[in-house]
Amino acid sequence: MKAIKIAIHLIPALFAATLGTSAVAGEYDAIKAAAGAEFFDKECHRCHSVDADRASYGPLLTGVIGRKAGSFEGYPYSDALKNANFTWTAGAIRAWMEDNDGLVPGTKMRHVGVVDATVQDFIVTYLASISE
């Protein structure tokens, strides 16, 4: 009987906590995306744009998550990236940021790797927020 009384009070509290968790998660992702935009600007923006109206050396990265590698129309990819057979996922982007030539040997992109996993996570969250 005591267990039933505890459960009666616990169930609404757990339900409320679950609702609050999704709101907090959304706020957390927004904070991560904002930080990711800052890191993107520092690490990636000199060669890549997220604005179709702004020319950039590298391919446009709006909508990159879910896109087949080497497939942004009009960009002159290396043969290595044109022939890469994968889709840009969060994991693929992290691997690319860390060691793009290790992921796709022969790519023409050269850069200093982004090896900090937290920075990678922020940038990926930002790219995901502009890929929806």
Protein backbone atom coordinates (compact mmCIF):
# COMPACT_ATOMS: atom_id res chain seq x y z
CA MET A 1 0.00 0.00 0.00
CA LYS A 2 2.83 2.37 0.87
CA ALA A 3 4.44 1.61 -2.52
CA ILE A 4 1.19 2.54 -4.30
CA LYS A 5 1.03 5.88 -2.48
CA ILE A 6 4.64 6.61 -3.43
CA ALA A 7 3.97 5.65 -7.06
CA ILE A 8 0.89 7.90 -7.19
CA HIS A 9 3.08 10.87 -6.25
CA LEU A 10 6.09 9.76 -8.27
CA ILE A 11 4.38 9.24 -11.64
CA PRO A 12 3.28 12.88 -12.11
CA ALA A 13 6.73 14.07 -11.01
CA LEU A 14 8.44 11.78 -13.54
CA PHE A 15 6.05 12.91 -16.27
CA ALA A 16 6.77 16.57 -15.50
CA ALA A 17 10.50 15.88 -15.46
CA THR A 18 10.26 14.23 -18.88
CA LEU A 19 8.47 17.25 -20.33
CA GLY A 20 11.03 19.58 -18.81
CA THR A 21 13.88 17.49 -20.18
CA SER A 22 12.80 17.97 -23.80
CA ALA A 23 12.54 21.73 -23.27
CA VAL A 24 15.98 21.78 -21.69
CA ALA A 25 17.37 19.61 -24.50
CA GLY A 26 16.01 22.04 -27.10
CA GLU A 27 17.54 24.98 -25.25
CA TYR A 28 20.82 23.09 -24.89
CA ASP A 29 20.92 22.37 -28.65
CA ALA A 30 20.23 26.06 -29.37
CA ILE A 31 23.16 27.04 -27.16
CA LYS A 32 25.38 24.43 -28.84
CA ALA A 33 24.32 25.66 -32.29
CA ALA A 34 25.11 29.27 -31.37
CA ALA A 35 28.54 28.22 -30.09
CA GLY A 36 28.97 26.11 -33.22
CA ALA A 37 28.25 29.15 -35.41
CA GLU A 38 31.06 30.98 -33.63
CA PHE A 39 33.48 28.07 -34.07
CA PHE A 40 32.37 27.66 -37.70
CA ASP A 41 33.14 31.33 -38.29
CA LYS A 42 36.59 30.89 -36.75
CA GLU A 43 37.52 27.51 -38.28
CA CYS A 44 35.55 27.05 -41.52
CA HIS A 45 34.16 30.33 -42.76
CA ARG A 46 37.31 31.49 -44.54
CA CYS A 47 36.65 28.81 -47.19
CA HIS A 48 32.99 27.77 -46.73
CA SER A 49 29.76 29.72 -46.73
CA VAL A 50 26.34 28.89 -45.39
CA ASP A 51 24.79 31.69 -47.44
CA ALA A 52 23.99 30.86 -51.07
CA ASP A 53 24.40 34.54 -51.95
CA ARG A 54 28.01 34.63 -50.73
CA ALA A 55 30.65 33.09 -52.97
CA SER A 56 33.16 30.84 -51.24
CA TYR A 57 36.18 28.78 -52.14
CA GLY A 58 34.64 25.56 -50.82
CA PRO A 59 31.16 24.18 -51.37
CA LEU A 60 28.16 25.68 -49.61
CA LEU A 61 27.53 23.89 -46.30
CA THR A 62 23.85 24.72 -45.78
CA GLY A 63 22.11 21.36 -45.95
CA VAL A 64 25.35 19.39 -45.81
CA ILE A 65 24.09 16.81 -43.30
CA GLY A 66 22.33 14.14 -45.31
CA ARG A 67 24.01 15.17 -48.58
CA LYS A 68 26.08 12.65 -50.55
CA ALA A 69 29.77 13.52 -50.32
CA GLY A 70 31.12 15.28 -53.39
CA SER A 71 27.69 16.12 -54.78
CA PHE A 72 27.09 19.86 -54.29
CA GLU A 73 26.15 20.97 -57.78
CA GLY A 74 28.66 23.20 -59.55
CA TYR A 75 31.57 22.66 -57.17
CA PRO A 76 34.76 21.23 -58.78
CA TYR A 77 35.49 18.38 -56.35
CA SER A 78 38.61 16.23 -56.50
CA ASP A 79 38.11 12.83 -58.09
CA ALA A 80 38.66 11.31 -54.65
CA LEU A 81 35.70 13.15 -53.12
CA LYS A 82 33.52 12.79 -56.23
CA ASN A 83 34.01 9.03 -55.95
CA ALA A 84 33.63 8.82 -52.17
CA ASN A 85 30.68 6.64 -51.42
CA PHE A 86 29.21 8.05 -48.23
CA THR A 87 26.72 10.59 -46.99
CA TRP A 88 27.62 13.45 -44.70
CA THR A 89 26.47 12.39 -41.26
CA ALA A 90 27.49 13.90 -37.93
CA GLY A 91 30.16 11.21 -37.59
CA ALA A 92 31.49 11.72 -41.11
CA ILE A 93 31.74 15.48 -40.57
CA ARG A 94 33.60 14.93 -37.29
CA ALA A 95 36.03 12.56 -39.02
CA TRP A 96 36.47 15.07 -41.86
CA MET A 97 37.16 17.96 -39.48
CA GLU A 98 39.74 15.91 -37.63
CA ASP A 99 41.59 14.45 -40.62
CA ASN A 100 40.01 15.04 -44.00
CA ASP A 101 42.89 13.53 -45.96
CA GLY A 102 42.77 10.45 -43.75
CA LEU A 103 39.04 10.08 -44.41
CA VAL A 104 39.30 10.69 -48.16
CA PRO A 105 42.91 10.36 -49.36
CA GLY A 106 43.54 12.57 -52.37
CA THR A 107 41.05 15.29 -51.50
CA LYS A 108 42.14 18.77 -52.50
CA MET A 109 41.00 20.40 -49.25
CA ARG A 110 43.88 21.30 -46.97
CA HIS A 111 43.33 22.62 -43.49
CA VAL A 112 44.50 22.39 -39.94
CA GLY A 113 42.35 19.73 -38.28
CA VAL A 114 39.72 20.48 -35.68
CA VAL A 115 40.67 17.81 -33.16
CA ASP A 116 38.80 19.03 -30.08
CA ALA A 117 35.74 16.76 -29.81
CA THR A 118 33.69 19.47 -28.08
CA VAL A 119 34.39 22.00 -30.83
CA GLN A 120 33.53 19.34 -33.42
CA ASP A 121 30.25 18.66 -31.60
CA PHE A 122 29.33 22.36 -31.55
CA ILE A 123 30.12 22.78 -35.28
CA VAL A 124 28.14 19.64 -36.17
CA THR A 125 25.17 20.86 -34.10
CA TYR A 126 25.33 24.19 -35.95
CA LEU A 127 25.51 22.48 -39.36
CA ALA A 128 22.58 20.24 -38.37
CA SER A 129 20.58 23.32 -37.41
CA ILE A 130 21.03 24.75 -40.93
CA SER A 131 20.47 21.41 -42.66
CA GLU A 132 16.85 20.90 -41.61
